[in-house]
Each structure stands twice: as C-alpha cells, then as structure tokens.
Full PDB file with SEQRES, HELIX, SHEET, SSBOND, CRYST1, ORIGX, SCALE, CONECT and MASTER records, all heavy atoms in Angstrom:
SEQRES   1 A   42  VAL VAL ASP PHE LEU PRO LYS ILE LYS ILE GLU LEU VAL          
SEQRES   2 A   42  ILE ASN ASP ASP LEU VAL GLU ARG VAL ILE GLU THR ILE          
SEQRES   3 A   42  GLN GLN VAL ALA HIS THR GLY ARG ILE GLY ASP GLY LYS          
SEQRES   4 A   42  ILE PHE VAL                                                  
HELIX    1 AA1 ASP A   16  LEU A   18  5                                   3    
HELIX    2 AA2 VAL A   19  ALA A   30  1                                  12    
CRYST1    1.000    1.000    1.000  90.00  90.00  90.00 P 1           1          
ORIGX1      1.000000  0.000000  0.000000        0.00000                         
ORIGX2      0.000000  1.000000  0.000000        0.00000                         
ORIGX3      0.000000  0.000000  1.000000        0.00000                         
SCALE1      1.000000  0.000000  0.000000        0.00000                         
SCALE2      0.000000  1.000000  0.000000        0.00000                         
SCALE3      0.000000  0.000000  1.000000        0.00000                         
ATOM      1  N   VAL A   1       0.841  -1.191   0.002  1.00  0.00           N  
ATOM      2  CA  VAL A   1       0.004  -0.008  -0.002  1.00  0.00           C  
ATOM      3  C   VAL A   1       0.877   1.244   0.002  1.00  0.00           C  
ATOM      4  O   VAL A   1       1.824   1.344   0.776  1.00  0.00           O  
ATOM      5  CB  VAL A   1      -0.920   0.016   1.244  1.00  0.00           C  
ATOM      6  CG1 VAL A   1      -1.712   1.315   1.316  1.00  0.00           C  
ATOM      7  CG2 VAL A   1      -1.847  -1.188   1.209  1.00  0.00           C  
ATOM      8  N   VAL A   2       0.552   2.199  -0.868  1.00  0.00           N  
ATOM      9  CA  VAL A   2       1.253   3.469  -0.921  1.00  0.00           C  
ATOM     10  C   VAL A   2       0.326   4.500  -0.281  1.00  0.00           C  
ATOM     11  O   VAL A   2      -0.721   4.841  -0.818  1.00  0.00           O  
ATOM     12  CB  VAL A   2       1.566   3.881  -2.376  1.00  0.00           C  
ATOM     13  CG1 VAL A   2       2.222   5.257  -2.413  1.00  0.00           C  
ATOM     14  CG2 VAL A   2       2.449   2.830  -3.041  1.00  0.00           C  
ATOM     15  N   ASP A   3       0.699   4.949   0.928  1.00  0.00           N  
ATOM     16  CA  ASP A   3      -0.130   5.912   1.661  1.00  0.00           C  
ATOM     17  C   ASP A   3       0.106   7.338   1.219  1.00  0.00           C  
ATOM     18  O   ASP A   3      -0.801   8.150   1.194  1.00  0.00           O  
ATOM     19  CB  ASP A   3       0.138   5.812   3.166  1.00  0.00           C  
ATOM     20  CG  ASP A   3      -0.460   4.578   3.776  1.00  0.00           C  
ATOM     21  OD1 ASP A   3      -1.529   4.146   3.323  1.00  0.00           O  
ATOM     22  OD2 ASP A   3       0.154   4.031   4.709  1.00  0.00           O  
ATOM     23  N   PHE A   4       1.344   7.672   0.928  1.00  0.00           N  
ATOM     24  CA  PHE A   4       1.708   9.044   0.575  1.00  0.00           C  
ATOM     25  C   PHE A   4       2.204   9.096  -0.860  1.00  0.00           C  
ATOM     26  O   PHE A   4       3.060   8.308  -1.248  1.00  0.00           O  
ATOM     27  CB  PHE A   4       2.782   9.576   1.523  1.00  0.00           C  
ATOM     28  CG  PHE A   4       2.331   9.642   2.950  1.00  0.00           C  
ATOM     29  CD1 PHE A   4       2.690   8.661   3.850  1.00  0.00           C  
ATOM     30  CD2 PHE A   4       1.521  10.677   3.380  1.00  0.00           C  
ATOM     31  CE1 PHE A   4       2.263   8.716   5.162  1.00  0.00           C  
ATOM     32  CE2 PHE A   4       1.082  10.744   4.676  1.00  0.00           C  
ATOM     33  CZ  PHE A   4       1.454   9.769   5.573  1.00  0.00           C  
ATOM     34  N   LEU A   5       1.665  10.030  -1.613  1.00  0.00           N  
ATOM     35  CA  LEU A   5       2.023  10.159  -3.017  1.00  0.00           C  
ATOM     36  C   LEU A   5       3.057  11.281  -3.196  1.00  0.00           C  
ATOM     37  O   LEU A   5       3.010  12.282  -2.504  1.00  0.00           O  
ATOM     38  CB  LEU A   5       0.768  10.484  -3.832  1.00  0.00           C  
ATOM     39  CG  LEU A   5      -0.345   9.452  -3.698  1.00  0.00           C  
ATOM     40  CD1 LEU A   5      -1.609   9.956  -4.366  1.00  0.00           C  
ATOM     41  CD2 LEU A   5       0.087   8.139  -4.305  1.00  0.00           C  
ATOM     42  N   PRO A   6       3.986  11.110  -4.141  1.00  0.00           N  
ATOM     43  CA  PRO A   6       4.988  12.150  -4.363  1.00  0.00           C  
ATOM     44  C   PRO A   6       4.343  13.398  -4.941  1.00  0.00           C  
ATOM     45  O   PRO A   6       3.521  13.340  -5.858  1.00  0.00           O  
ATOM     46  CB  PRO A   6       5.968  11.509  -5.360  1.00  0.00           C  
ATOM     47  CG  PRO A   6       5.206  10.401  -5.998  1.00  0.00           C  
ATOM     48  CD  PRO A   6       4.162   9.962  -5.022  1.00  0.00           C  
ATOM     49  N   LYS A   7       4.735  14.542  -4.413  1.00  0.00           N  
ATOM     50  CA  LYS A   7       4.251  15.842  -4.849  1.00  0.00           C  
ATOM     51  C   LYS A   7       5.425  16.820  -4.871  1.00  0.00           C  
ATOM     52  O   LYS A   7       6.492  16.519  -4.335  1.00  0.00           O  
ATOM     53  CB  LYS A   7       3.161  16.400  -3.920  1.00  0.00           C  
ATOM     54  CG  LYS A   7       1.928  15.529  -3.787  1.00  0.00           C  
ATOM     55  CD  LYS A   7       1.089  15.597  -5.021  1.00  0.00           C  
ATOM     56  CE  LYS A   7      -0.171  14.773  -4.839  1.00  0.00           C  
ATOM     57  NZ  LYS A   7      -1.047  14.855  -5.994  1.00  0.00           N  
ATOM     58  N   ILE A   8       5.210  17.970  -5.443  1.00  0.00           N  
ATOM     59  CA  ILE A   8       6.202  19.047  -5.443  1.00  0.00           C  
ATOM     60  C   ILE A   8       5.572  20.233  -4.741  1.00  0.00           C  
ATOM     61  O   ILE A   8       4.428  20.593  -5.002  1.00  0.00           O  
ATOM     62  CB  ILE A   8       6.593  19.445  -6.881  1.00  0.00           C  
ATOM     63  CG1 ILE A   8       7.343  18.311  -7.579  1.00  0.00           C  
ATOM     64  CG2 ILE A   8       7.421  20.730  -6.885  1.00  0.00           C  
ATOM     65  CD1 ILE A   8       8.704  17.989  -6.997  1.00  0.00           C  
ATOM     66  N   LYS A   9       6.343  20.861  -3.853  1.00  0.00           N  
ATOM     67  CA  LYS A   9       5.888  22.072  -3.169  1.00  0.00           C  
ATOM     68  C   LYS A   9       6.717  23.232  -3.702  1.00  0.00           C  
ATOM     69  O   LYS A   9       7.946  23.219  -3.632  1.00  0.00           O  
ATOM     70  CB  LYS A   9       6.062  21.939  -1.655  1.00  0.00           C  
ATOM     71  CG  LYS A   9       5.624  23.150  -0.874  1.00  0.00           C  
ATOM     72  CD  LYS A   9       5.822  22.863   0.615  1.00  0.00           C  
ATOM     73  CE  LYS A   9       5.434  24.018   1.483  1.00  0.00           C  
ATOM     74  NZ  LYS A   9       5.694  23.722   2.893  1.00  0.00           N  
ATOM     75  N   ILE A  10       6.005  24.230  -4.235  1.00  0.00           N  
ATOM     76  CA  ILE A  10       6.649  25.447  -4.736  1.00  0.00           C  
ATOM     77  C   ILE A  10       6.327  26.560  -3.760  1.00  0.00           C  
ATOM     78  O   ILE A  10       5.184  26.723  -3.366  1.00  0.00           O  
ATOM     79  CB  ILE A  10       6.098  25.832  -6.132  1.00  0.00           C  
ATOM     80  CG1 ILE A  10       6.395  24.717  -7.131  1.00  0.00           C  
ATOM     81  CG2 ILE A  10       6.678  27.154  -6.601  1.00  0.00           C  
ATOM     82  CD1 ILE A  10       5.679  24.912  -8.451  1.00  0.00           C  
ATOM     83  N   GLU A  11       7.368  27.304  -3.357  1.00  0.00           N  
ATOM     84  CA  GLU A  11       7.169  28.441  -2.446  1.00  0.00           C  
ATOM     85  C   GLU A  11       7.766  29.690  -3.073  1.00  0.00           C  
ATOM     86  O   GLU A  11       8.860  29.640  -3.625  1.00  0.00           O  
ATOM     87  CB  GLU A  11       7.850  28.179  -1.116  1.00  0.00           C  
ATOM     88  CG  GLU A  11       7.316  26.974  -0.359  1.00  0.00           C  
ATOM     89  CD  GLU A  11       8.113  26.681   0.880  1.00  0.00           C  
ATOM     90  OE1 GLU A  11       7.786  27.252   1.939  1.00  0.00           O  
ATOM     91  OE2 GLU A  11       9.072  25.904   0.787  1.00  0.00           O  
ATOM     92  N   LEU A  12       7.029  30.803  -2.977  1.00  0.00           N  
ATOM     93  CA  LEU A  12       7.567  32.073  -3.423  1.00  0.00           C  
ATOM     94  C   LEU A  12       6.936  33.206  -2.643  1.00  0.00           C  
ATOM     95  O   LEU A  12       5.799  33.114  -2.209  1.00  0.00           O  
ATOM     96  CB  LEU A  12       7.380  32.287  -4.923  1.00  0.00           C  
ATOM     97  CG  LEU A  12       6.173  31.716  -5.618  1.00  0.00           C  
ATOM     98  CD1 LEU A  12       5.120  32.747  -5.826  1.00  0.00           C  
ATOM     99  CD2 LEU A  12       6.636  31.189  -6.938  1.00  0.00           C  
ATOM    100  N   VAL A  13       7.716  34.246  -2.424  1.00  0.00           N  
ATOM    101  CA  VAL A  13       7.223  35.451  -1.752  1.00  0.00           C  
ATOM    102  C   VAL A  13       7.269  36.563  -2.806  1.00  0.00           C  
ATOM    103  O   VAL A  13       8.293  36.781  -3.441  1.00  0.00           O  
ATOM    104  CB  VAL A  13       8.083  35.801  -0.525  1.00  0.00           C  
ATOM    105  CG1 VAL A  13       7.607  37.116   0.087  1.00  0.00           C  
ATOM    106  CG2 VAL A  13       8.037  34.683   0.506  1.00  0.00           C  
ATOM    107  N   ILE A  14       6.110  37.235  -2.958  1.00  0.00           N  
ATOM    108  CA  ILE A  14       5.978  38.213  -4.032  1.00  0.00           C  
ATOM    109  C   ILE A  14       5.269  39.474  -3.538  1.00  0.00           C  
ATOM    110  O   ILE A  14       4.627  39.465  -2.492  1.00  0.00           O  
ATOM    111  CB  ILE A  14       5.209  37.618  -5.228  1.00  0.00           C  
ATOM    112  CG1 ILE A  14       3.827  37.120  -4.780  1.00  0.00           C  
ATOM    113  CG2 ILE A  14       5.991  36.511  -5.891  1.00  0.00           C  
ATOM    114  CD1 ILE A  14       2.943  36.647  -5.905  1.00  0.00           C  
ATOM    115  N   ASN A  15       5.369  40.527  -4.334  1.00  0.00           N  
ATOM    116  CA  ASN A  15       4.640  41.765  -4.063  1.00  0.00           C  
ATOM    117  C   ASN A  15       3.143  41.500  -4.252  1.00  0.00           C  
ATOM    118  O   ASN A  15       2.742  40.677  -5.082  1.00  0.00           O  
ATOM    119  CB  ASN A  15       5.077  42.875  -5.006  1.00  0.00           C  
ATOM    120  CG  ASN A  15       6.503  43.296  -4.741  1.00  0.00           C  
ATOM    121  OD1 ASN A  15       6.960  43.295  -3.617  1.00  0.00           O  
ATOM    122  ND2 ASN A  15       7.210  43.654  -5.806  1.00  0.00           N  
ATOM    123  N   ASP A  16       2.324  42.227  -3.530  1.00  0.00           N  
ATOM    124  CA  ASP A  16       0.879  42.042  -3.581  1.00  0.00           C  
ATOM    125  C   ASP A  16       0.298  42.186  -4.985  1.00  0.00           C  
ATOM    126  O   ASP A  16      -0.647  41.515  -5.342  1.00  0.00           O  
ATOM    127  CB  ASP A  16       0.172  43.030  -2.636  1.00  0.00           C  
ATOM    128  CG  ASP A  16       0.388  42.695  -1.175  1.00  0.00           C  
ATOM    129  OD1 ASP A  16       0.660  41.516  -0.864  1.00  0.00           O  
ATOM    130  OD2 ASP A  16       0.285  43.616  -0.334  1.00  0.00           O  
ATOM    131  N   ASP A  17       0.901  43.053  -5.799  1.00  0.00           N  
ATOM    132  CA  ASP A  17       0.349  43.301  -7.125  1.00  0.00           C  
ATOM    133  C   ASP A  17       0.525  42.125  -8.087  1.00  0.00           C  
ATOM    134  O   ASP A  17      -0.114  42.086  -9.141  1.00  0.00           O  
ATOM    135  CB  ASP A  17       0.931  44.593  -7.735  1.00  0.00           C  
ATOM    136  CG  ASP A  17       2.443  44.555  -7.838  1.00  0.00           C  
ATOM    137  OD1 ASP A  17       3.091  43.802  -7.088  1.00  0.00           O  
ATOM    138  OD2 ASP A  17       2.991  45.300  -8.680  1.00  0.00           O  
ATOM    139  N   LEU A  18       1.339  41.154  -7.757  1.00  0.00           N  
ATOM    140  CA  LEU A  18       1.550  39.980  -8.615  1.00  0.00           C  
ATOM    141  C   LEU A  18       0.746  38.760  -8.202  1.00  0.00           C  
ATOM    142  O   LEU A  18       0.724  37.764  -8.931  1.00  0.00           O  
ATOM    143  CB  LEU A  18       3.040  39.603  -8.630  1.00  0.00           C  
ATOM    144  CG  LEU A  18       4.001  40.580  -9.298  1.00  0.00           C  
ATOM    145  CD1 LEU A  18       5.433  40.125  -9.073  1.00  0.00           C  
ATOM    146  CD2 LEU A  18       3.701  40.684 -10.776  1.00  0.00           C  
ATOM    147  N   VAL A  19       0.088  38.821  -7.073  1.00  0.00           N  
ATOM    148  CA  VAL A  19      -0.548  37.629  -6.498  1.00  0.00           C  
ATOM    149  C   VAL A  19      -1.541  36.972  -7.443  1.00  0.00           C  
ATOM    150  O   VAL A  19      -1.439  35.767  -7.716  1.00  0.00           O  
ATOM    151  CB  VAL A  19      -1.235  37.968  -5.145  1.00  0.00           C  
ATOM    152  CG1 VAL A  19      -2.055  36.792  -4.653  1.00  0.00           C  
ATOM    153  CG2 VAL A  19      -0.187  38.352  -4.119  1.00  0.00           C  
ATOM    154  N   GLU A  20      -2.485  37.697  -7.951  1.00  0.00           N  
ATOM    155  CA  GLU A  20      -3.512  37.105  -8.811  1.00  0.00           C  
ATOM    156  C   GLU A  20      -2.917  36.519 -10.090  1.00  0.00           C  
ATOM    157  O   GLU A  20      -3.320  35.439 -10.524  1.00  0.00           O  
ATOM    158  CB  GLU A  20      -4.620  38.114  -9.141  1.00  0.00           C  
ATOM    159  CG  GLU A  20      -5.480  38.459  -7.945  1.00  0.00           C  
ATOM    160  CD  GLU A  20      -6.059  37.247  -7.218  1.00  0.00           C  
ATOM    161  OE1 GLU A  20      -6.557  36.325  -7.895  1.00  0.00           O  
ATOM    162  OE2 GLU A  20      -6.016  37.227  -5.968  1.00  0.00           O  
ATOM    163  N   ARG A  21      -1.948  37.202 -10.644  1.00  0.00           N  
ATOM    164  CA  ARG A  21      -1.313  36.700 -11.879  1.00  0.00           C  
ATOM    165  C   ARG A  21      -0.564  35.395 -11.628  1.00  0.00           C  
ATOM    166  O   ARG A  21      -0.620  34.473 -12.440  1.00  0.00           O  
ATOM    167  CB  ARG A  21      -0.371  37.765 -12.427  1.00  0.00           C  
ATOM    168  CG  ARG A  21       0.117  37.480 -13.796  1.00  0.00           C  
ATOM    169  CD  ARG A  21       0.711  38.713 -14.416  1.00  0.00           C  
ATOM    170  NE  ARG A  21       1.206  38.379 -15.737  1.00  0.00           N  
ATOM    171  CZ  ARG A  21       2.116  39.084 -16.374  1.00  0.00           C  
ATOM    172  NH1 ARG A  21       2.603  40.158 -15.828  1.00  0.00           N  
ATOM    173  NH2 ARG A  21       2.518  38.725 -17.557  1.00  0.00           N  
ATOM    174  N   VAL A  22       0.126  35.310 -10.497  1.00  0.00           N  
ATOM    175  CA  VAL A  22       0.862  34.089 -10.146  1.00  0.00           C  
ATOM    176  C   VAL A  22      -0.104  32.943  -9.885  1.00  0.00           C  
ATOM    177  O   VAL A  22       0.089  31.819 -10.353  1.00  0.00           O  
ATOM    178  CB  VAL A  22       1.791  34.339  -8.931  1.00  0.00           C  
ATOM    179  CG1 VAL A  22       2.349  33.027  -8.395  1.00  0.00           C  
ATOM    180  CG2 VAL A  22       2.919  35.278  -9.325  1.00  0.00           C  
ATOM    181  N   ILE A  23      -1.180  33.212  -9.139  1.00  0.00           N  
ATOM    182  CA  ILE A  23      -2.171  32.177  -8.856  1.00  0.00           C  
ATOM    183  C   ILE A  23      -2.771  31.643 -10.154  1.00  0.00           C  
ATOM    184  O   ILE A  23      -2.865  30.427 -10.353  1.00  0.00           O  
ATOM    185  CB  ILE A  23      -3.277  32.720  -7.929  1.00  0.00           C  
ATOM    186  CG1 ILE A  23      -2.718  32.959  -6.536  1.00  0.00           C  
ATOM    187  CG2 ILE A  23      -4.457  31.756  -7.870  1.00  0.00           C  
ATOM    188  CD1 ILE A  23      -3.668  33.697  -5.611  1.00  0.00           C  
ATOM    189  N   GLU A  24      -3.182  32.544 -11.042  1.00  0.00           N  
ATOM    190  CA  GLU A  24      -3.767  32.133 -12.311  1.00  0.00           C  
ATOM    191  C   GLU A  24      -2.785  31.293 -13.121  1.00  0.00           C  
ATOM    192  O   GLU A  24      -3.161  30.292 -13.735  1.00  0.00           O  
ATOM    193  CB  GLU A  24      -4.200  33.355 -13.123  1.00  0.00           C  
ATOM    194  CG  GLU A  24      -5.411  34.057 -12.563  1.00  0.00           C  
ATOM    195  CD  GLU A  24      -5.707  35.377 -13.262  1.00  0.00           C  
ATOM    196  OE1 GLU A  24      -5.117  35.635 -14.346  1.00  0.00           O  
ATOM    197  OE2 GLU A  24      -6.518  36.139 -12.720  1.00  0.00           O  
ATOM    198  N   THR A  25      -1.547  31.699 -13.149  1.00  0.00           N  
ATOM    199  CA  THR A  25      -0.519  30.978 -13.913  1.00  0.00           C  
ATOM    200  C   THR A  25      -0.340  29.563 -13.379  1.00  0.00           C  
ATOM    201  O   THR A  25      -0.373  28.594 -14.146  1.00  0.00           O  
ATOM    202  CB  THR A  25       0.819  31.738 -13.883  1.00  0.00           C  
ATOM    203  OG1 THR A  25       0.634  33.026 -14.474  1.00  0.00           O  
ATOM    204  CG2 THR A  25       1.901  30.978 -14.629  1.00  0.00           C  
ATOM    205  N   ILE A  26      -0.161  29.438 -12.075  1.00  0.00           N  
ATOM    206  CA  ILE A  26       0.020  28.109 -11.481  1.00  0.00           C  
ATOM    207  C   ILE A  26      -1.200  27.254 -11.720  1.00  0.00           C  
ATOM    208  O   ILE A  26      -1.109  26.084 -12.101  1.00  0.00           O  
ATOM    209  CB  ILE A  26       0.341  28.209  -9.975  1.00  0.00           C  
ATOM    210  CG1 ILE A  26       1.705  28.889  -9.764  1.00  0.00           C  
ATOM    211  CG2 ILE A  26       0.344  26.816  -9.336  1.00  0.00           C  
ATOM    212  CD1 ILE A  26       2.008  29.249  -8.316  1.00  0.00           C  
ATOM    213  N   GLN A  27      -2.365  27.822 -11.498  1.00  0.00           N  
ATOM    214  CA  GLN A  27      -3.618  27.087 -11.641  1.00  0.00           C  
ATOM    215  C   GLN A  27      -3.796  26.566 -13.079  1.00  0.00           C  
ATOM    216  O   GLN A  27      -4.140  25.411 -13.282  1.00  0.00           O  
ATOM    217  CB  GLN A  27      -4.767  27.974 -11.242  1.00  0.00           C  
ATOM    218  CG  GLN A  27      -6.072  27.244 -10.996  1.00  0.00           C  
ATOM    219  CD  GLN A  27      -7.106  28.162 -10.361  1.00  0.00           C  
ATOM    220  OE1 GLN A  27      -6.974  29.381 -10.371  1.00  0.00           O  
ATOM    221  NE2 GLN A  27      -8.129  27.563  -9.809  1.00  0.00           N  
ATOM    222  N   GLN A  28      -3.546  27.414 -14.058  1.00  0.00           N  
ATOM    223  CA  GLN A  28      -3.713  27.005 -15.452  1.00  0.00           C  
ATOM    224  C   GLN A  28      -2.702  25.953 -15.876  1.00  0.00           C  
ATOM    225  O   GLN A  28      -3.047  24.973 -16.537  1.00  0.00           O  
ATOM    226  CB  GLN A  28      -3.598  28.220 -16.373  1.00  0.00           C  
ATOM    227  CG  GLN A  28      -4.772  29.155 -16.284  1.00  0.00           C  
ATOM    228  CD  GLN A  28      -4.568  30.439 -17.103  1.00  0.00           C  
ATOM    229  OE1 GLN A  28      -3.523  30.619 -17.736  1.00  0.00           O  
ATOM    230  NE2 GLN A  28      -5.546  31.310 -17.049  1.00  0.00           N  
ATOM    231  N   VAL A  29      -1.446  26.141 -15.476  1.00  0.00           N  
ATOM    232  CA  VAL A  29      -0.385  25.251 -15.952  1.00  0.00           C  
ATOM    233  C   VAL A  29      -0.374  23.920 -15.210  1.00  0.00           C  
ATOM    234  O   VAL A  29      -0.101  22.871 -15.803  1.00  0.00           O  
ATOM    235  CB  VAL A  29       0.992  25.956 -15.836  1.00  0.00           C  
ATOM    236  CG1 VAL A  29       2.111  25.030 -16.264  1.00  0.00           C  
ATOM    237  CG2 VAL A  29       0.998  27.220 -16.687  1.00  0.00           C  
ATOM    238  N   ALA A  30      -0.697  23.912 -13.934  1.00  0.00           N  
ATOM    239  CA  ALA A  30      -0.670  22.683 -13.139  1.00  0.00           C  
ATOM    240  C   ALA A  30      -1.948  21.840 -13.311  1.00  0.00           C  
ATOM    241  O   ALA A  30      -1.974  20.671 -12.938  1.00  0.00           O  
ATOM    242  CB  ALA A  30      -0.449  22.997 -11.669  1.00  0.00           C  
ATOM    243  N   HIS A  31      -2.977  22.419 -13.889  1.00  0.00           N  
ATOM    244  CA  HIS A  31      -4.264  21.739 -14.029  1.00  0.00           C  
ATOM    245  C   HIS A  31      -4.199  20.587 -15.024  1.00  0.00           C  
ATOM    246  O   HIS A  31      -3.719  20.741 -16.146  1.00  0.00           O  
ATOM    247  CB  HIS A  31      -5.301  22.746 -14.511  1.00  0.00           C  
ATOM    248  CG  HIS A  31      -6.655  22.151 -14.708  1.00  0.00           C  
ATOM    249  ND1 HIS A  31      -7.081  21.722 -15.944  1.00  0.00           N  
ATOM    250  CD2 HIS A  31      -7.660  21.910 -13.842  1.00  0.00           C  
ATOM    251  CE1 HIS A  31      -8.304  21.240 -15.827  1.00  0.00           C  
ATOM    252  NE2 HIS A  31      -8.683  21.343 -14.560  1.00  0.00           N  
ATOM    253  N   THR A  32      -4.652  19.393 -14.582  1.00  0.00           N  
ATOM    254  CA  THR A  32      -4.783  18.243 -15.482  1.00  0.00           C  
ATOM    255  C   THR A  32      -6.241  17.806 -15.553  1.00  0.00           C  
ATOM    256  O   THR A  32      -6.606  17.036 -16.430  1.00  0.00           O  
ATOM    257  CB  THR A  32      -3.940  17.047 -15.006  1.00  0.00           C  
ATOM    258  OG1 THR A  32      -4.469  16.550 -13.771  1.00  0.00           O  
ATOM    259  CG2 THR A  32      -2.482  17.409 -14.864  1.00  0.00           C  
ATOM    260  N   GLY A  33      -7.042  18.261 -14.593  1.00  0.00           N  
ATOM    261  CA  GLY A  33      -8.437  17.852 -14.544  1.00  0.00           C  
ATOM    262  C   GLY A  33      -8.664  16.560 -13.790  1.00  0.00           C  
ATOM    263  O   GLY A  33      -9.785  16.067 -13.703  1.00  0.00           O  
ATOM    264  N   ARG A  34      -7.608  16.021 -13.225  1.00  0.00           N  
ATOM    265  CA  ARG A  34      -7.715  14.760 -12.487  1.00  0.00           C  
ATOM    266  C   ARG A  34      -7.523  15.023 -10.992  1.00  0.00           C  
ATOM    267  O   ARG A  34      -6.900  15.999 -10.602  1.00  0.00           O  
ATOM    268  CB  ARG A  34      -6.667  13.754 -12.958  1.00  0.00           C  
ATOM    269  CG  ARG A  34      -6.832  13.444 -14.419  1.00  0.00           C  
ATOM    270  CD  ARG A  34      -5.753  12.502 -14.892  1.00  0.00           C  
ATOM    271  NE  ARG A  34      -6.364  11.695 -15.946  1.00  0.00           N  
ATOM    272  CZ  ARG A  34      -6.505  10.390 -15.879  1.00  0.00           C  
ATOM    273  NH1 ARG A  34      -6.036   9.710 -14.869  1.00  0.00           N  
ATOM    274  NH2 ARG A  34      -7.081   9.738 -16.870  1.00  0.00           N  
ATOM    275  N   ILE A  35      -8.027  14.126 -10.209  1.00  0.00           N  
ATOM    276  CA  ILE A  35      -7.883  14.240  -8.763  1.00  0.00           C  
ATOM    277  C   ILE A  35      -6.400  14.279  -8.418  1.00  0.00           C  
ATOM    278  O   ILE A  35      -5.583  13.611  -9.042  1.00  0.00           O  
ATOM    279  CB  ILE A  35      -8.624  13.099  -8.039  1.00  0.00           C  
ATOM    280  CG1 ILE A  35      -8.776  13.427  -6.569  1.00  0.00           C  
ATOM    281  CG2 ILE A  35      -7.963  11.781  -8.276  1.00  0.00           C  
ATOM    282  CD1 ILE A  35      -9.788  12.568  -5.852  1.00  0.00           C  
ATOM    283  N   GLY A  36      -6.029  15.116  -7.449  1.00  0.00           N  
ATOM    284  CA  GLY A  36      -4.633  15.221  -7.028  1.00  0.00           C  
ATOM    285  C   GLY A  36      -3.854  16.307  -7.734  1.00  0.00           C  
ATOM    286  O   GLY A  36      -2.632  16.362  -7.626  1.00  0.00           O  
ATOM    287  N   ASP A  37      -4.547  17.207  -8.459  1.00  0.00           N  
ATOM    288  CA  ASP A  37      -3.847  18.308  -9.128  1.00  0.00           C  
ATOM    289  C   ASP A  37      -3.131  19.206  -8.137  1.00  0.00           C  
ATOM    290  O   ASP A  37      -2.130  19.826  -8.456  1.00  0.00           O  
ATOM    291  CB  ASP A  37      -4.817  19.146  -9.951  1.00  0.00           C  
ATOM    292  CG  ASP A  37      -5.005  18.603 -11.354  1.00  0.00           C  
ATOM    293  OD1 ASP A  37      -4.287  17.673 -11.745  1.00  0.00           O  
ATOM    294  OD2 ASP A  37      -5.870  19.141 -12.058  1.00  0.00           O  
ATOM    295  N   GLY A  38      -3.633  19.298  -6.899  1.00  0.00           N  
ATOM    296  CA  GLY A  38      -2.927  20.050  -5.867  1.00  0.00           C  
ATOM    297  C   GLY A  38      -3.736  21.192  -5.301  1.00  0.00           C  
ATOM    298  O   GLY A  38      -4.933  21.332  -5.542  1.00  0.00           O  
ATOM    299  N   LYS A  39      -3.038  22.039  -4.550  1.00  0.00           N  
ATOM    300  CA  LYS A  39      -3.631  23.179  -3.872  1.00  0.00           C  
ATOM    301  C   LYS A  39      -2.676  24.365  -3.950  1.00  0.00           C  
ATOM    302  O   LYS A  39      -1.469  24.200  -4.089  1.00  0.00           O  
ATOM    303  CB  LYS A  39      -3.875  22.885  -2.380  1.00  0.00           C  
ATOM    304  CG  LYS A  39      -4.782  21.710  -2.089  1.00  0.00           C  
ATOM    305  CD  LYS A  39      -6.237  22.124  -2.146  1.00  0.00           C  
ATOM    306  CE  LYS A  39      -7.157  21.048  -1.641  1.00  0.00           C  
ATOM    307  NZ  LYS A  39      -7.486  20.009  -2.583  1.00  0.00           N  
ATOM    308  N   ILE A  40      -3.256  25.565  -3.808  1.00  0.00           N  
ATOM    309  CA  ILE A  40      -2.469  26.791  -3.701  1.00  0.00           C  
ATOM    310  C   ILE A  40      -2.868  27.486  -2.408  1.00  0.00           C  
ATOM    311  O   ILE A  40      -4.059  27.677  -2.152  1.00  0.00           O  
ATOM    312  CB  ILE A  40      -2.724  27.728  -4.895  1.00  0.00           C  
ATOM    313  CG1 ILE A  40      -2.339  27.043  -6.217  1.00  0.00           C  
ATOM    314  CG2 ILE A  40      -1.950  29.044  -4.728  1.00  0.00           C  
ATOM    315  CD1 ILE A  40      -2.735  27.817  -7.456  1.00  0.00           C  
ATOM    316  N   PHE A  41      -1.873  27.837  -1.604  1.00  0.00           N  
ATOM    317  CA  PHE A  41      -2.111  28.524  -0.330  1.00  0.00           C  
ATOM    318  C   PHE A  41      -1.467  29.909  -0.403  1.00  0.00           C  
ATOM    319  O   PHE A  41      -0.341  30.058  -0.858  1.00  0.00           O  
ATOM    320  CB  PHE A  41      -1.484  27.747   0.832  1.00  0.00           C  
ATOM    321  CG  PHE A  41      -1.960  26.327   0.924  1.00  0.00           C  
ATOM    322  CD1 PHE A  41      -1.240  25.293   0.342  1.00  0.00           C  
ATOM    323  CD2 PHE A  41      -3.138  26.013   1.580  1.00  0.00           C  
ATOM    324  CE1 PHE A  41      -1.667  23.978   0.407  1.00  0.00           C  
ATOM    325  CE2 PHE A  41      -3.578  24.706   1.665  1.00  0.00           C  
ATOM    326  CZ  PHE A  41      -2.842  23.696   1.078  1.00  0.00           C  
ATOM    327  N   VAL A  42      -2.195  30.933   0.039  1.00  0.00           N  
ATOM    328  CA  VAL A  42      -1.687  32.298   0.036  1.00  0.00           C  
ATOM    329  C   VAL A  42      -1.737  32.838   1.461  1.00  0.00           C  
ATOM    330  O   VAL A  42      -2.789  32.811   2.091  1.00  0.00           O  
ATOM    331  CB  VAL A  42      -2.515  33.201  -0.893  1.00  0.00           C  
ATOM    332  CG1 VAL A  42      -1.951  34.616  -0.902  1.00  0.00           C  
ATOM    333  CG2 VAL A  42      -2.570  32.634  -2.300  1.00  0.00           C  
TER     334      VAL A  42                                                      
MASTER        0    0    0    2    0    0    0    6  333    1    0    4          
END                                                                             
C-alpha cells in the first residue's frame, strides 16, 4: 500500500500586485483535470 504520493511544493514570496497573476498561472499550468492536481495557499 502506498499511503503518501509524491508531490512538489513550490514556495515564493511576491509583491501584492503579482498575487492574482501568479495564482492564475500556477492554476492554469498545473491543471490536469484529475484528482490530485494540488492546492495553492496564500
């Protein structure tokens, strides 16, 4: 049984004016439409 699946954690600190653009970029590019695509925390 594999309990934990391999993932990648990306961390970055940015100016407030870039937040929405960065979120949209990560969301669009990381999206596969399958379960386990991940989460974004701000």
